[in-house]
Protein backbone atom coordinates (compact mmCIF):
# COMPACT_ATOMS: atom_id res chain seq x y z
CA UNK A 1 25.64 -11.79 -22.44
CA UNK A 2 27.41 -11.08 -19.17
CA UNK A 3 28.10 -7.60 -17.89
CA UNK A 4 31.88 -7.97 -18.33
CA UNK A 5 31.53 -9.02 -21.96
CA UNK A 6 29.17 -6.14 -22.76
CA UNK A 7 31.51 -3.60 -21.11
CA UNK A 8 34.51 -4.82 -23.11
CA UNK A 9 32.43 -4.94 -26.28
CA UNK A 10 31.41 -1.33 -25.74
CA UNK A 11 35.00 -0.21 -25.04
CA UNK A 12 36.28 -1.87 -28.24
CA UNK A 13 33.35 -0.46 -30.22
CA UNK A 14 34.00 3.05 -28.88
CA UNK A 15 37.71 2.77 -29.69
CA UNK A 16 36.96 1.76 -33.28
CA UNK A 17 34.19 4.34 -33.69
CA UNK A 18 36.37 7.15 -32.33
CA UNK A 19 39.13 6.45 -34.86
CA UNK A 20 36.85 5.82 -37.84
CA UNK A 21 36.58 9.48 -38.96
CA UNK A 22 40.36 9.82 -39.12
CA UNK A 23 41.35 6.61 -40.89
CA UNK A 24 38.87 6.78 -43.77
CA UNK A 25 38.39 9.40 -46.47
CA UNK A 26 34.81 8.22 -46.96
CA UNK A 27 31.91 9.54 -44.91
CA UNK A 28 31.29 6.94 -42.16
CA UNK A 29 33.69 4.69 -44.12
CA UNK A 30 30.90 4.02 -46.64
CA UNK A 31 29.91 7.07 -48.70
CA UNK A 32 32.54 8.46 -51.10
CA UNK A 33 32.97 12.22 -51.12
CA UNK A 34 33.89 14.41 -54.09
CA UNK A 35 36.28 16.51 -51.99
CA UNK A 36 38.61 15.44 -49.18
CA UNK A 37 37.14 15.54 -45.69
CA UNK A 38 37.91 18.64 -43.66
CA UNK A 39 38.50 18.69 -39.93
CA UNK A 40 34.97 20.04 -39.39
CA UNK A 41 33.45 17.09 -41.26
CA UNK A 42 35.61 14.69 -39.25
CA UNK A 43 34.51 16.28 -35.97
CA UNK A 44 30.85 16.10 -36.99
CA UNK A 45 31.36 12.45 -37.91
CA UNK A 46 33.06 11.93 -34.52
CA UNK A 47 29.98 13.38 -32.78
CA UNK A 48 27.66 11.04 -34.68
CA UNK A 49 29.90 8.08 -33.83
CA UNK A 50 29.81 9.12 -30.15
CA UNK A 51 26.01 9.19 -30.21
CA UNK A 52 25.84 5.79 -31.93
CA UNK A 53 28.26 4.22 -29.44
CA UNK A 54 26.27 5.75 -26.58
CA UNK A 55 23.04 4.37 -28.02
CA UNK A 56 24.53 0.90 -28.27
CA UNK A 57 25.77 1.23 -24.70
CA UNK A 58 22.27 2.20 -23.63
CA UNK A 59 20.82 -0.85 -25.38
CA UNK A 60 23.39 -3.12 -23.73
CA UNK A 61 22.61 -1.63 -20.32
CA UNK A 62 18.89 -2.07 -20.92
CA UNK A 63 19.38 -5.72 -21.85
CA UNK A 64 21.19 -6.33 -18.54
CA UNK A 65 18.52 -4.71 -16.38
CA UNK A 66 17.30 -1.30 -15.30
CA UNK A 67 18.95 1.76 -16.84
CA UNK A 68 20.68 3.91 -14.23
CA UNK A 69 19.89 7.65 -14.38
CA UNK A 70 22.89 9.78 -15.38
CA UNK A 71 23.71 13.44 -14.80
CA UNK A 72 25.70 15.84 -16.92
CA UNK A 73 28.94 14.68 -15.28
CA UNK A 74 28.57 11.23 -16.84
CA UNK A 75 28.21 12.67 -20.34
CA UNK A 76 31.13 15.07 -19.85
CA UNK A 77 33.35 12.16 -18.82
CA UNK A 78 32.23 9.94 -21.71
CA UNK A 79 32.85 12.73 -24.25
CA UNK A 80 36.34 13.25 -22.80
CA UNK A 81 37.00 9.50 -22.93
CA UNK A 82 35.74 9.28 -26.52
CA UNK A 83 38.02 12.15 -27.57
CA UNK A 84 40.91 10.40 -25.82
CA UNK A 85 40.07 7.23 -27.76
CA UNK A 86 40.22 9.29 -30.99
CA UNK A 87 43.77 10.49 -30.34
CA UNK A 88 45.57 7.66 -32.22
CA UNK A 89 43.52 8.30 -35.38
CA UNK A 90 43.98 12.07 -35.11
CA UNK A 91 47.72 11.62 -34.63
CA UNK A 92 47.95 9.31 -37.63
CA UNK A 93 45.94 11.67 -39.87
CA UNK A 94 47.36 15.08 -38.89
CA UNK A 95 50.73 14.60 -37.18
CA UNK A 96 52.42 11.89 -39.29
CA UNK A 97 53.79 12.70 -42.71
CA UNK A 98 52.08 10.73 -45.48
CA UNK A 99 53.44 10.12 -48.93
CA UNK A 100 51.06 11.33 -51.59
């Protein structure tokens, strides 16, 4: 897999993973819950999705060659980008009116 393909794959994966907690009422879109998800559960799920997307990115980087060392700035930027990716799902869940 080329570097360009793996970068785009990771961006699309991160975009889907960031919106997953907000578009599904199930935990990780798989496990049904007895009560509706609260914002705290969605944020915890968002954190787990961030860690999974980061792990996949690390595996993709490792498959292309040596892993570059990263400082705290890199992680701060990726968290901010992941939260930005989650904005469409958050907007759909909390700012649009839904018929019930």
